[in-house]
mmCIF file of all heavy atoms, coordinates in Angstrom:
data_MODEL
# 
_entry.id   MODEL 
# 
loop_
_atom_site.group_PDB 
_atom_site.id 
_atom_site.type_symbol 
_atom_site.label_atom_id 
_atom_site.label_alt_id 
_atom_site.label_comp_id 
_atom_site.label_asym_id 
_atom_site.label_entity_id 
_atom_site.label_seq_id 
_atom_site.pdbx_PDB_ins_code 
_atom_site.Cartn_x 
_atom_site.Cartn_y 
_atom_site.Cartn_z 
_atom_site.occupancy 
_atom_site.B_iso_or_equiv 
_atom_site.pdbx_formal_charge 
_atom_site.auth_seq_id 
_atom_site.auth_comp_id 
_atom_site.auth_asym_id 
_atom_site.auth_atom_id 
_atom_site.pdbx_PDB_model_num 
ATOM 1   N N   . GLU A 1 1  ? -11.371 -1.914  21.380 1.00 0.00 ? 1  GLU A N   1 
ATOM 2   C CA  . GLU A 1 1  ? -12.180 -0.995  20.596 1.00 0.00 ? 1  GLU A CA  1 
ATOM 3   C C   . GLU A 1 1  ? -11.564 -0.586  19.316 1.00 0.00 ? 1  GLU A C   1 
ATOM 4   O O   . GLU A 1 1  ? -10.340 -0.363  19.298 1.00 0.00 ? 1  GLU A O   1 
ATOM 5   C CB  . GLU A 1 1  ? -12.501 0.187   21.468 1.00 0.00 ? 1  GLU A CB  1 
ATOM 6   C CG  . GLU A 1 1  ? -13.677 1.055   20.935 1.00 0.00 ? 1  GLU A CG  1 
ATOM 7   C CD  . GLU A 1 1  ? -14.046 2.066   22.033 1.00 0.00 ? 1  GLU A CD  1 
ATOM 8   O OE1 . GLU A 1 1  ? -13.185 2.720   22.667 1.00 0.00 ? 1  GLU A OE1 1 
ATOM 9   O OE2 . GLU A 1 1  ? -15.230 2.298   22.173 1.00 0.00 ? 1  GLU A OE2 1 
ATOM 10  N N   . VAL A 1 2  ? -12.330 -0.480  18.256 1.00 0.00 ? 2  VAL A N   1 
ATOM 11  C CA  . VAL A 1 2  ? -11.826 -0.030  16.949 1.00 0.00 ? 2  VAL A CA  1 
ATOM 12  C C   . VAL A 1 2  ? -12.549 1.266   16.646 1.00 0.00 ? 2  VAL A C   1 
ATOM 13  O O   . VAL A 1 2  ? -13.805 1.347   16.683 1.00 0.00 ? 2  VAL A O   1 
ATOM 14  C CB  . VAL A 1 2  ? -12.144 -1.161  15.919 1.00 0.00 ? 2  VAL A CB  1 
ATOM 15  C CG1 . VAL A 1 2  ? -11.806 -0.673  14.529 1.00 0.00 ? 2  VAL A CG1 1 
ATOM 16  C CG2 . VAL A 1 2  ? -11.442 -2.470  16.255 1.00 0.00 ? 2  VAL A CG2 1 
ATOM 17  N N   . ILE A 1 3  ? -11.727 2.322   16.284 1.00 0.00 ? 3  ILE A N   1 
ATOM 18  C CA  . ILE A 1 3  ? -12.318 3.671   16.027 1.00 0.00 ? 3  ILE A CA  1 
ATOM 19  C C   . ILE A 1 3  ? -11.788 4.181   14.716 1.00 0.00 ? 3  ILE A C   1 
ATOM 20  O O   . ILE A 1 3  ? -10.614 4.155   14.459 1.00 0.00 ? 3  ILE A O   1 
ATOM 21  C CB  . ILE A 1 3  ? -11.986 4.663   17.184 1.00 0.00 ? 3  ILE A CB  1 
ATOM 22  C CG1 . ILE A 1 3  ? -12.454 4.079   18.519 1.00 0.00 ? 3  ILE A CG1 1 
ATOM 23  C CG2 . ILE A 1 3  ? -12.523 5.991   16.889 1.00 0.00 ? 3  ILE A CG2 1 
ATOM 24  C CD1 . ILE A 1 3  ? -11.971 4.821   19.691 1.00 0.00 ? 3  ILE A CD1 1 
ATOM 25  N N   . GLN A 1 4  ? -12.772 4.571   13.892 1.00 0.00 ? 4  GLN A N   1 
ATOM 26  C CA  . GLN A 1 4  ? -12.463 5.258   12.649 1.00 0.00 ? 4  GLN A CA  1 
ATOM 27  C C   . GLN A 1 4  ? -12.889 6.752   12.796 1.00 0.00 ? 4  GLN A C   1 
ATOM 28  O O   . GLN A 1 4  ? -13.885 6.974   13.527 1.00 0.00 ? 4  GLN A O   1 
ATOM 29  C CB  . GLN A 1 4  ? -13.249 4.539   11.534 1.00 0.00 ? 4  GLN A CB  1 
ATOM 30  C CG  . GLN A 1 4  ? -12.909 4.942   10.168 1.00 0.00 ? 4  GLN A CG  1 
ATOM 31  C CD  . GLN A 1 4  ? -11.710 4.135   9.645  1.00 0.00 ? 4  GLN A CD  1 
ATOM 32  O OE1 . GLN A 1 4  ? -10.950 3.450   10.418 1.00 0.00 ? 4  GLN A OE1 1 
ATOM 33  N NE2 . GLN A 1 4  ? -11.466 4.156   8.333  1.00 0.00 ? 4  GLN A NE2 1 
ATOM 34  N N   . VAL A 1 5  ? -12.213 7.701   12.199 1.00 0.00 ? 5  VAL A N   1 
ATOM 35  C CA  . VAL A 1 5  ? -12.501 9.092   12.344 1.00 0.00 ? 5  VAL A CA  1 
ATOM 36  C C   . VAL A 1 5  ? -12.700 9.727   10.919 1.00 0.00 ? 5  VAL A C   1 
ATOM 37  O O   . VAL A 1 5  ? -11.836 9.508   10.101 1.00 0.00 ? 5  VAL A O   1 
ATOM 38  C CB  . VAL A 1 5  ? -11.495 9.862   13.141 1.00 0.00 ? 5  VAL A CB  1 
ATOM 39  C CG1 . VAL A 1 5  ? -11.826 11.309  13.280 1.00 0.00 ? 5  VAL A CG1 1 
ATOM 40  C CG2 . VAL A 1 5  ? -11.366 9.254   14.530 1.00 0.00 ? 5  VAL A CG2 1 
ATOM 41  N N   . ALA A 1 6  ? -13.755 10.500  10.747 1.00 0.00 ? 6  ALA A N   1 
ATOM 42  C CA  . ALA A 1 6  ? -14.010 11.216  9.485  1.00 0.00 ? 6  ALA A CA  1 
ATOM 43  C C   . ALA A 1 6  ? -14.760 12.492  9.817  1.00 0.00 ? 6  ALA A C   1 
ATOM 44  O O   . ALA A 1 6  ? -15.612 12.467  10.647 1.00 0.00 ? 6  ALA A O   1 
ATOM 45  C CB  . ALA A 1 6  ? -14.813 10.327  8.506  1.00 0.00 ? 6  ALA A CB  1 
ATOM 46  N N   . LYS A 1 7  ? -14.403 13.519  9.185  1.00 0.00 ? 7  LYS A N   1 
ATOM 47  C CA  . LYS A 1 7  ? -15.095 14.840  9.374  1.00 0.00 ? 7  LYS A CA  1 
ATOM 48  C C   . LYS A 1 7  ? -16.631 14.658  9.092  1.00 0.00 ? 7  LYS A C   1 
ATOM 49  O O   . LYS A 1 7  ? -17.393 15.043  9.962  1.00 0.00 ? 7  LYS A O   1 
ATOM 50  C CB  . LYS A 1 7  ? -14.513 15.938  8.442  1.00 0.00 ? 7  LYS A CB  1 
ATOM 51  C CG  . LYS A 1 7  ? -15.225 17.273  8.648  1.00 0.00 ? 7  LYS A CG  1 
ATOM 52  C CD  . LYS A 1 7  ? -14.562 18.388  7.865  1.00 0.00 ? 7  LYS A CD  1 
ATOM 53  C CE  . LYS A 1 7  ? -15.299 19.669  7.955  1.00 0.00 ? 7  LYS A CE  1 
ATOM 54  N NZ  . LYS A 1 7  ? -15.555 20.246  9.225  1.00 0.00 ? 7  LYS A NZ  1 
ATOM 55  N N   . ASN A 1 8  ? -16.890 14.071  8.008  1.00 0.00 ? 8  ASN A N   1 
ATOM 56  C CA  . ASN A 1 8  ? -18.278 13.726  7.703  1.00 0.00 ? 8  ASN A CA  1 
ATOM 57  C C   . ASN A 1 8  ? -18.361 12.603  6.748  1.00 0.00 ? 8  ASN A C   1 
ATOM 58  O O   . ASN A 1 8  ? -17.296 12.243  6.135  1.00 0.00 ? 8  ASN A O   1 
ATOM 59  C CB  . ASN A 1 8  ? -19.091 14.915  7.145  1.00 0.00 ? 8  ASN A CB  1 
ATOM 60  C CG  . ASN A 1 8  ? -18.612 15.347  5.783  1.00 0.00 ? 8  ASN A CG  1 
ATOM 61  O OD1 . ASN A 1 8  ? -18.676 14.641  4.891  1.00 0.00 ? 8  ASN A OD1 1 
ATOM 62  N ND2 . ASN A 1 8  ? -18.172 16.593  5.718  1.00 0.00 ? 8  ASN A ND2 1 
ATOM 63  N N   . ILE A 1 9  ? -19.469 11.901  6.700  1.00 0.00 ? 9  ILE A N   1 
ATOM 64  C CA  . ILE A 1 9  ? -19.589 10.775  5.734  1.00 0.00 ? 9  ILE A CA  1 
ATOM 65  C C   . ILE A 1 9  ? -20.850 11.070  4.817  1.00 0.00 ? 9  ILE A C   1 
ATOM 66  O O   . ILE A 1 9  ? -21.557 10.140  4.496  1.00 0.00 ? 9  ILE A O   1 
ATOM 67  C CB  . ILE A 1 9  ? -19.756 9.474   6.506  1.00 0.00 ? 9  ILE A CB  1 
ATOM 68  C CG1 . ILE A 1 9  ? -20.828 9.533   7.579  1.00 0.00 ? 9  ILE A CG1 1 
ATOM 69  C CG2 . ILE A 1 9  ? -18.404 9.040   7.097  1.00 0.00 ? 9  ILE A CG2 1 
ATOM 70  C CD1 . ILE A 1 9  ? -21.102 8.156   8.251  1.00 0.00 ? 9  ILE A CD1 1 
ATOM 71  N N   . ASN A 1 10 ? -21.001 12.286  4.435  1.00 0.00 ? 10 ASN A N   1 
ATOM 72  C CA  . ASN A 1 10 ? -22.076 12.691  3.588  1.00 0.00 ? 10 ASN A CA  1 
ATOM 73  C C   . ASN A 1 10 ? -22.017 12.058  2.216  1.00 0.00 ? 10 ASN A C   1 
ATOM 74  O O   . ASN A 1 10 ? -22.972 11.723  1.603  1.00 0.00 ? 10 ASN A O   1 
ATOM 75  C CB  . ASN A 1 10 ? -22.146 14.195  3.457  1.00 0.00 ? 10 ASN A CB  1 
ATOM 76  C CG  . ASN A 1 10 ? -22.347 14.883  4.804  1.00 0.00 ? 10 ASN A CG  1 
ATOM 77  O OD1 . ASN A 1 10 ? -22.896 14.307  5.719  1.00 0.00 ? 10 ASN A OD1 1 
ATOM 78  N ND2 . ASN A 1 10 ? -21.941 16.117  4.920  1.00 0.00 ? 10 ASN A ND2 1 
ATOM 79  N N   . SER A 1 11 ? -20.784 11.889  1.695  1.00 0.00 ? 11 SER A N   1 
ATOM 80  C CA  . SER A 1 11 ? -20.608 11.260  0.415  1.00 0.00 ? 11 SER A CA  1 
ATOM 81  C C   . SER A 1 11 ? -20.751 9.741   0.532  1.00 0.00 ? 11 SER A C   1 
ATOM 82  O O   . SER A 1 11 ? -20.148 9.179   1.450  1.00 0.00 ? 11 SER A O   1 
ATOM 83  C CB  . SER A 1 11 ? -19.212 11.653  -0.143 1.00 0.00 ? 11 SER A CB  1 
ATOM 84  O OG  . SER A 1 11 ? -18.772 10.643  -1.064 1.00 0.00 ? 11 SER A OG  1 
ATOM 85  N N   . ILE A 1 12 ? -21.498 9.100   -0.347 1.00 0.00 ? 12 ILE A N   1 
ATOM 86  C CA  . ILE A 1 12 ? -21.653 7.705   -0.268 1.00 0.00 ? 12 ILE A CA  1 
ATOM 87  C C   . ILE A 1 12 ? -20.287 6.963   -0.422 1.00 0.00 ? 12 ILE A C   1 
ATOM 88  O O   . ILE A 1 12 ? -20.071 5.952   0.191  1.00 0.00 ? 12 ILE A O   1 
ATOM 89  C CB  . ILE A 1 12 ? -22.655 7.132   -1.314 1.00 0.00 ? 12 ILE A CB  1 
ATOM 90  C CG1 . ILE A 1 12 ? -23.013 5.641   -1.071 1.00 0.00 ? 12 ILE A CG1 1 
ATOM 91  C CG2 . ILE A 1 12 ? -22.190 7.319   -2.754 1.00 0.00 ? 12 ILE A CG2 1 
ATOM 92  C CD1 . ILE A 1 12 ? -23.765 5.460   0.206  1.00 0.00 ? 12 ILE A CD1 1 
ATOM 93  N N   . THR A 1 13 ? -19.417 7.524   -1.205 1.00 0.00 ? 13 THR A N   1 
ATOM 94  C CA  . THR A 1 13 ? -18.057 6.925   -1.373 1.00 0.00 ? 13 THR A CA  1 
ATOM 95  C C   . THR A 1 13 ? -17.285 6.973   -0.085 1.00 0.00 ? 13 THR A C   1 
ATOM 96  O O   . THR A 1 13 ? -16.681 5.988   0.309  1.00 0.00 ? 13 THR A O   1 
ATOM 97  C CB  . THR A 1 13 ? -17.287 7.763   -2.475 1.00 0.00 ? 13 THR A CB  1 
ATOM 98  O OG1 . THR A 1 13 ? -18.063 7.702   -3.705 1.00 0.00 ? 13 THR A OG1 1 
ATOM 99  C CG2 . THR A 1 13 ? -15.938 7.101   -2.718 1.00 0.00 ? 13 THR A CG2 1 
ATOM 100 N N   . THR A 1 14 ? -17.357 8.125   0.648  1.00 0.00 ? 14 THR A N   1 
ATOM 101 C CA  . THR A 1 14 ? -16.677 8.209   1.891  1.00 0.00 ? 14 THR A CA  1 
ATOM 102 C C   . THR A 1 14 ? -17.331 7.253   2.940  1.00 0.00 ? 14 THR A C   1 
ATOM 103 O O   . THR A 1 14 ? -16.510 6.586   3.641  1.00 0.00 ? 14 THR A O   1 
ATOM 104 C CB  . THR A 1 14 ? -16.754 9.650   2.425  1.00 0.00 ? 14 THR A CB  1 
ATOM 105 O OG1 . THR A 1 14 ? -16.183 10.533  1.442  1.00 0.00 ? 14 THR A OG1 1 
ATOM 106 C CG2 . THR A 1 14 ? -15.996 9.855   3.764  1.00 0.00 ? 14 THR A CG2 1 
ATOM 107 N N   . LYS A 1 15 ? -18.569 7.293   2.999  1.00 0.00 ? 15 LYS A N   1 
ATOM 108 C CA  . LYS A 1 15 ? -19.274 6.397   3.973  1.00 0.00 ? 15 LYS A CA  1 
ATOM 109 C C   . LYS A 1 15 ? -18.898 4.935   3.723  1.00 0.00 ? 15 LYS A C   1 
ATOM 110 O O   . LYS A 1 15 ? -18.596 4.222   4.664  1.00 0.00 ? 15 LYS A O   1 
ATOM 111 C CB  . LYS A 1 15 ? -20.800 6.600   3.901  1.00 0.00 ? 15 LYS A CB  1 
ATOM 112 C CG  . LYS A 1 15 ? -21.567 5.885   4.975  1.00 0.00 ? 15 LYS A CG  1 
ATOM 113 C CD  . LYS A 1 15 ? -23.088 6.237   4.880  1.00 0.00 ? 15 LYS A CD  1 
ATOM 114 C CE  . LYS A 1 15 ? -23.786 5.631   6.028  1.00 0.00 ? 15 LYS A CE  1 
ATOM 115 N NZ  . LYS A 1 15 ? -25.231 6.006   5.994  1.00 0.00 ? 15 LYS A NZ  1 
ATOM 116 N N   . ARG A 1 16 ? -18.939 4.534   2.489  1.00 0.00 ? 16 ARG A N   1 
ATOM 117 C CA  . ARG A 1 16 ? -18.625 3.132   2.174  1.00 0.00 ? 16 ARG A CA  1 
ATOM 118 C C   . ARG A 1 16 ? -17.171 2.828   2.523  1.00 0.00 ? 16 ARG A C   1 
ATOM 119 O O   . ARG A 1 16 ? -16.916 1.778   3.091  1.00 0.00 ? 16 ARG A O   1 
ATOM 120 C CB  . ARG A 1 16 ? -18.880 2.907   0.690  1.00 0.00 ? 16 ARG A CB  1 
ATOM 121 C CG  . ARG A 1 16 ? -18.737 1.414   0.230  1.00 0.00 ? 16 ARG A CG  1 
ATOM 122 C CD  . ARG A 1 16 ? -19.101 1.211   -1.214 1.00 0.00 ? 16 ARG A CD  1 
ATOM 123 N NE  . ARG A 1 16 ? -20.484 1.623   -1.454 1.00 0.00 ? 16 ARG A NE  1 
ATOM 124 C CZ  . ARG A 1 16 ? -20.859 2.385   -2.476 1.00 0.00 ? 16 ARG A CZ  1 
ATOM 125 N NH1 . ARG A 1 16 ? -19.999 2.806   -3.372 1.00 0.00 ? 16 ARG A NH1 1 
ATOM 126 N NH2 . ARG A 1 16 ? -22.149 2.721   -2.699 1.00 0.00 ? 16 ARG A NH2 1 
ATOM 127 N N   . ARG A 1 17 ? -16.226 3.718   2.237  1.00 0.00 ? 17 ARG A N   1 
ATOM 128 C CA  . ARG A 1 17 ? -14.822 3.588   2.541  1.00 0.00 ? 17 ARG A CA  1 
ATOM 129 C C   . ARG A 1 17 ? -14.636 3.436   4.051  1.00 0.00 ? 17 ARG A C   1 
ATOM 130 O O   . ARG A 1 17 ? -13.886 2.498   4.515  1.00 0.00 ? 17 ARG A O   1 
ATOM 131 C CB  . ARG A 1 17 ? -13.937 4.732   2.017  1.00 0.00 ? 17 ARG A CB  1 
ATOM 132 C CG  . ARG A 1 17 ? -12.528 4.570   2.354  1.00 0.00 ? 17 ARG A CG  1 
ATOM 133 C CD  . ARG A 1 17 ? -11.631 5.719   1.858  1.00 0.00 ? 17 ARG A CD  1 
ATOM 134 N NE  . ARG A 1 17 ? -11.998 6.876   2.703  1.00 0.00 ? 17 ARG A NE  1 
ATOM 135 C CZ  . ARG A 1 17 ? -12.443 8.027   2.201  1.00 0.00 ? 17 ARG A CZ  1 
ATOM 136 N NH1 . ARG A 1 17 ? -12.648 8.275   0.910  1.00 0.00 ? 17 ARG A NH1 1 
ATOM 137 N NH2 . ARG A 1 17 ? -12.701 9.084   3.045  1.00 0.00 ? 17 ARG A NH2 1 
ATOM 138 N N   . GLU A 1 18 ? -15.198 4.282   4.844  1.00 0.00 ? 18 GLU A N   1 
ATOM 139 C CA  . GLU A 1 18 ? -15.101 4.258   6.306  1.00 0.00 ? 18 GLU A CA  1 
ATOM 140 C C   . GLU A 1 18 ? -15.670 2.963   6.845  1.00 0.00 ? 18 GLU A C   1 
ATOM 141 O O   . GLU A 1 18 ? -15.104 2.343   7.762  1.00 0.00 ? 18 GLU A O   1 
ATOM 142 C CB  . GLU A 1 18 ? -15.757 5.445   6.940  1.00 0.00 ? 18 GLU A CB  1 
ATOM 143 C CG  . GLU A 1 18 ? -15.133 6.805   6.566  1.00 0.00 ? 18 GLU A CG  1 
ATOM 144 C CD  . GLU A 1 18 ? -13.661 6.944   6.893  1.00 0.00 ? 18 GLU A CD  1 
ATOM 145 O OE1 . GLU A 1 18 ? -13.227 6.368   7.961  1.00 0.00 ? 18 GLU A OE1 1 
ATOM 146 O OE2 . GLU A 1 18 ? -12.950 7.607   6.141  1.00 0.00 ? 18 GLU A OE2 1 
ATOM 147 N N   . ILE A 1 19 ? -16.859 2.600   6.438  1.00 0.00 ? 19 ILE A N   1 
ATOM 148 C CA  . ILE A 1 19 ? -17.507 1.331   6.940  1.00 0.00 ? 19 ILE A CA  1 
ATOM 149 C C   . ILE A 1 19 ? -16.674 0.098   6.483  1.00 0.00 ? 19 ILE A C   1 
ATOM 150 O O   . ILE A 1 19 ? -16.455 -0.755  7.365  1.00 0.00 ? 19 ILE A O   1 
ATOM 151 C CB  . ILE A 1 19 ? -18.986 1.267   6.404  1.00 0.00 ? 19 ILE A CB  1 
ATOM 152 C CG1 . ILE A 1 19 ? -19.802 2.359   7.050  1.00 0.00 ? 19 ILE A CG1 1 
ATOM 153 C CG2 . ILE A 1 19 ? -19.535 -0.117  6.596  1.00 0.00 ? 19 ILE A CG2 1 
ATOM 154 C CD1 . ILE A 1 19 ? -21.185 2.508   6.448  1.00 0.00 ? 19 ILE A CD1 1 
ATOM 155 N N   . ASN A 1 20 ? -16.272 0.013   5.288  1.00 0.00 ? 20 ASN A N   1 
ATOM 156 C CA  . ASN A 1 20 ? -15.444 -1.124  4.828  1.00 0.00 ? 20 ASN A CA  1 
ATOM 157 C C   . ASN A 1 20 ? -14.153 -1.210  5.609  1.00 0.00 ? 20 ASN A C   1 
ATOM 158 O O   . ASN A 1 20 ? -13.748 -2.292  5.963  1.00 0.00 ? 20 ASN A O   1 
ATOM 159 C CB  . ASN A 1 20 ? -15.270 -1.066  3.332  1.00 0.00 ? 20 ASN A CB  1 
ATOM 160 C CG  . ASN A 1 20 ? -16.481 -1.365  2.498  1.00 0.00 ? 20 ASN A CG  1 
ATOM 161 O OD1 . ASN A 1 20 ? -17.431 -1.980  3.049  1.00 0.00 ? 20 ASN A OD1 1 
ATOM 162 N ND2 . ASN A 1 20 ? -16.464 -0.913  1.291  1.00 0.00 ? 20 ASN A ND2 1 
ATOM 163 N N   . GLY A 1 21 ? -13.583 -0.118  5.876  1.00 0.00 ? 21 GLY A N   1 
ATOM 164 C CA  . GLY A 1 21 ? -12.290 -0.105  6.644  1.00 0.00 ? 21 GLY A CA  1 
ATOM 165 C C   . GLY A 1 21 ? -12.493 -0.622  8.032  1.00 0.00 ? 21 GLY A C   1 
ATOM 166 O O   . GLY A 1 21 ? -11.639 -1.417  8.500  1.00 0.00 ? 21 GLY A O   1 
ATOM 167 N N   . ILE A 1 22 ? -13.508 -0.220  8.697  1.00 0.00 ? 22 ILE A N   1 
ATOM 168 C CA  . ILE A 1 22 ? -13.757 -0.697  10.076 1.00 0.00 ? 22 ILE A CA  1 
ATOM 169 C C   . ILE A 1 22 ? -14.178 -2.096  10.073 1.00 0.00 ? 22 ILE A C   1 
ATOM 170 O O   . ILE A 1 22 ? -13.822 -2.889  10.949 1.00 0.00 ? 22 ILE A O   1 
ATOM 171 C CB  . ILE A 1 22 ? -14.710 0.300   10.819 1.00 0.00 ? 22 ILE A CB  1 
ATOM 172 C CG1 . ILE A 1 22 ? -14.424 0.129   12.277 1.00 0.00 ? 22 ILE A CG1 1 
ATOM 173 C CG2 . ILE A 1 22 ? -16.092 0.051   10.487 1.00 0.00 ? 22 ILE A CG2 1 
ATOM 174 C CD1 . ILE A 1 22 ? -14.996 1.323   13.137 1.00 0.00 ? 22 ILE A CD1 1 
ATOM 175 N N   . LEU A 1 23 ? -15.022 -2.574  9.095  1.00 0.00 ? 23 LEU A N   1 
ATOM 176 C CA  . LEU A 1 23 ? -15.404 -3.916  9.045  1.00 0.00 ? 23 LEU A CA  1 
ATOM 177 C C   . LEU A 1 23 ? -14.201 -4.856  8.806  1.00 0.00 ? 23 LEU A C   1 
ATOM 178 O O   . LEU A 1 23 ? -14.147 -5.933  9.433  1.00 0.00 ? 23 LEU A O   1 
ATOM 179 C CB  . LEU A 1 23 ? -16.429 -4.147  7.996  1.00 0.00 ? 23 LEU A CB  1 
ATOM 180 C CG  . LEU A 1 23 ? -17.842 -3.680  8.179  1.00 0.00 ? 23 LEU A CG  1 
ATOM 181 C CD1 . LEU A 1 23 ? -18.767 -3.760  6.980  1.00 0.00 ? 23 LEU A CD1 1 
ATOM 182 C CD2 . LEU A 1 23 ? -18.443 -4.457  9.404  1.00 0.00 ? 23 LEU A CD2 1 
ATOM 183 N N   . GLU A 1 24 ? -13.304 -4.439  8.002  1.00 0.00 ? 24 GLU A N   1 
ATOM 184 C CA  . GLU A 1 24 ? -12.141 -5.254  7.704  1.00 0.00 ? 24 GLU A CA  1 
ATOM 185 C C   . GLU A 1 24 ? -11.309 -5.459  9.027  1.00 0.00 ? 24 GLU A C   1 
ATOM 186 O O   . GLU A 1 24 ? -10.830 -6.564  9.324  1.00 0.00 ? 24 GLU A O   1 
ATOM 187 C CB  . GLU A 1 24 ? -11.237 -4.611  6.674  1.00 0.00 ? 24 GLU A CB  1 
ATOM 188 C CG  . GLU A 1 24 ? -9.996  -5.382  6.286  1.00 0.00 ? 24 GLU A CG  1 
ATOM 189 C CD  . GLU A 1 24 ? -9.205  -4.667  5.183  1.00 0.00 ? 24 GLU A CD  1 
ATOM 190 O OE1 . GLU A 1 24 ? -9.834  -4.079  4.266  1.00 0.00 ? 24 GLU A OE1 1 
ATOM 191 O OE2 . GLU A 1 24 ? -7.962  -4.804  5.243  1.00 0.00 ? 24 GLU A OE2 1 
ATOM 192 N N   . THR A 1 25 ? -11.169 -4.373  9.788  1.00 0.00 ? 25 THR A N   1 
ATOM 193 C CA  . THR A 1 25 ? -10.430 -4.422  11.046 1.00 0.00 ? 25 THR A CA  1 
ATOM 194 C C   . THR A 1 25 ? -11.133 -5.277  12.045 1.00 0.00 ? 25 THR A C   1 
ATOM 195 O O   . THR A 1 25 ? -10.527 -6.080  12.772 1.00 0.00 ? 25 THR A O   1 
ATOM 196 C CB  . THR A 1 25 ? -10.184 -3.026  11.628 1.00 0.00 ? 25 THR A CB  1 
ATOM 197 O OG1 . THR A 1 25 ? -9.508  -2.276  10.595 1.00 0.00 ? 25 THR A OG1 1 
ATOM 198 C CG2 . THR A 1 25 ? -9.346  -3.106  12.858 1.00 0.00 ? 25 THR A CG2 1 
ATOM 199 N N   . LEU A 1 26 ? -12.452 -5.150  12.168 1.00 0.00 ? 26 LEU A N   1 
ATOM 200 C CA  . LEU A 1 26 ? -13.270 -5.989  13.055 1.00 0.00 ? 26 LEU A CA  1 
ATOM 201 C C   . LEU A 1 26 ? -13.113 -7.450  12.720 1.00 0.00 ? 26 LEU A C   1 
ATOM 202 O O   . LEU A 1 26 ? -12.973 -8.268  13.613 1.00 0.00 ? 26 LEU A O   1 
ATOM 203 C CB  . LEU A 1 26 ? -14.746 -5.551  13.034 1.00 0.00 ? 26 LEU A CB  1 
ATOM 204 C CG  . LEU A 1 26 ? -15.058 -4.188  13.636 1.00 0.00 ? 26 LEU A CG  1 
ATOM 205 C CD1 . LEU A 1 26 ? -16.526 -3.793  13.343 1.00 0.00 ? 26 LEU A CD1 1 
ATOM 206 C CD2 . LEU A 1 26 ? -14.814 -4.154  15.103 1.00 0.00 ? 26 LEU A CD2 1 
ATOM 207 N N   . GLU A 1 27 ? -13.173 -7.776  11.503 1.00 0.00 ? 27 GLU A N   1 
ATOM 208 C CA  . GLU A 1 27 ? -12.997 -9.167  11.046 1.00 0.00 ? 27 GLU A CA  1 
ATOM 209 C C   . GLU A 1 27 ? -11.628 -9.672  11.444 1.00 0.00 ? 27 GLU A C   1 
ATOM 210 O O   . GLU A 1 27 ? -11.526 -10.808 12.021 1.00 0.00 ? 27 GLU A O   1 
ATOM 211 C CB  . GLU A 1 27 ? -13.160 -9.292  9.542  1.00 0.00 ? 27 GLU A CB  1 
ATOM 212 C CG  . GLU A 1 27 ? -14.563 -9.155  9.036  1.00 0.00 ? 27 GLU A CG  1 
ATOM 213 C CD  . GLU A 1 27 ? -15.440 -10.332 9.334  1.00 0.00 ? 27 GLU A CD  1 
ATOM 214 O OE1 . GLU A 1 27 ? -14.816 -11.517 9.351  1.00 0.00 ? 27 GLU A OE1 1 
ATOM 215 O OE2 . GLU A 1 27 ? -16.605 -10.228 9.469  1.00 0.00 ? 27 GLU A OE2 1 
ATOM 216 N N   . GLN A 1 28 ? -10.601 -8.951  11.170 1.00 0.00 ? 28 GLN A N   1 
ATOM 217 C CA  . GLN A 1 28 ? -9.213  -9.407  11.471 1.00 0.00 ? 28 GLN A CA  1 
ATOM 218 C C   . GLN A 1 28 ? -8.994  -9.578  12.987 1.00 0.00 ? 28 GLN A C   1 
ATOM 219 O O   . GLN A 1 28 ? -8.308  -10.516 13.333 1.00 0.00 ? 28 GLN A O   1 
ATOM 220 C CB  . GLN A 1 28 ? -8.183  -8.350  10.976 1.00 0.00 ? 28 GLN A CB  1 
ATOM 221 C CG  . GLN A 1 28 ? -8.043  -8.339  9.476  1.00 0.00 ? 28 GLN A CG  1 
ATOM 222 C CD  . GLN A 1 28 ? -7.060  -7.280  8.976  1.00 0.00 ? 28 GLN A CD  1 
ATOM 223 O OE1 . GLN A 1 28 ? -6.566  -6.482  9.794  1.00 0.00 ? 28 GLN A OE1 1 
ATOM 224 N NE2 . GLN A 1 28 ? -6.887  -7.144  7.683  1.00 0.00 ? 28 GLN A NE2 1 
ATOM 225 N N   . LEU A 1 29 ? -9.606  -8.703  13.745 1.00 0.00 ? 29 LEU A N   1 
ATOM 226 C CA  . LEU A 1 29 ? -9.416  -8.793  15.212 1.00 0.00 ? 29 LEU A CA  1 
ATOM 227 C C   . LEU A 1 29 ? -10.522 -9.628  15.947 1.00 0.00 ? 29 LEU A C   1 
ATOM 228 O O   . LEU A 1 29 ? -10.448 -9.769  17.138 1.00 0.00 ? 29 LEU A O   1 
ATOM 229 C CB  . LEU A 1 29 ? -9.374  -7.404  15.813 1.00 0.00 ? 29 LEU A CB  1 
ATOM 230 C CG  . LEU A 1 29 ? -8.273  -6.459  15.315 1.00 0.00 ? 29 LEU A CG  1 
ATOM 231 C CD1 . LEU A 1 29 ? -8.377  -5.056  15.879 1.00 0.00 ? 29 LEU A CD1 1 
ATOM 232 C CD2 . LEU A 1 29 ? -6.884  -7.118  15.772 1.00 0.00 ? 29 LEU A CD2 1 
# 
C-alpha cells in the first residue's frame, strides 16, 4: 500500500502535487 497524507487538498496546486507524487510511486512499484 502507498499512502500520501495532506491536511487538505483544497488548492489545485496541492491536489496536483499529492496526486502526482502518489502516481509516481505507484508507477515505480
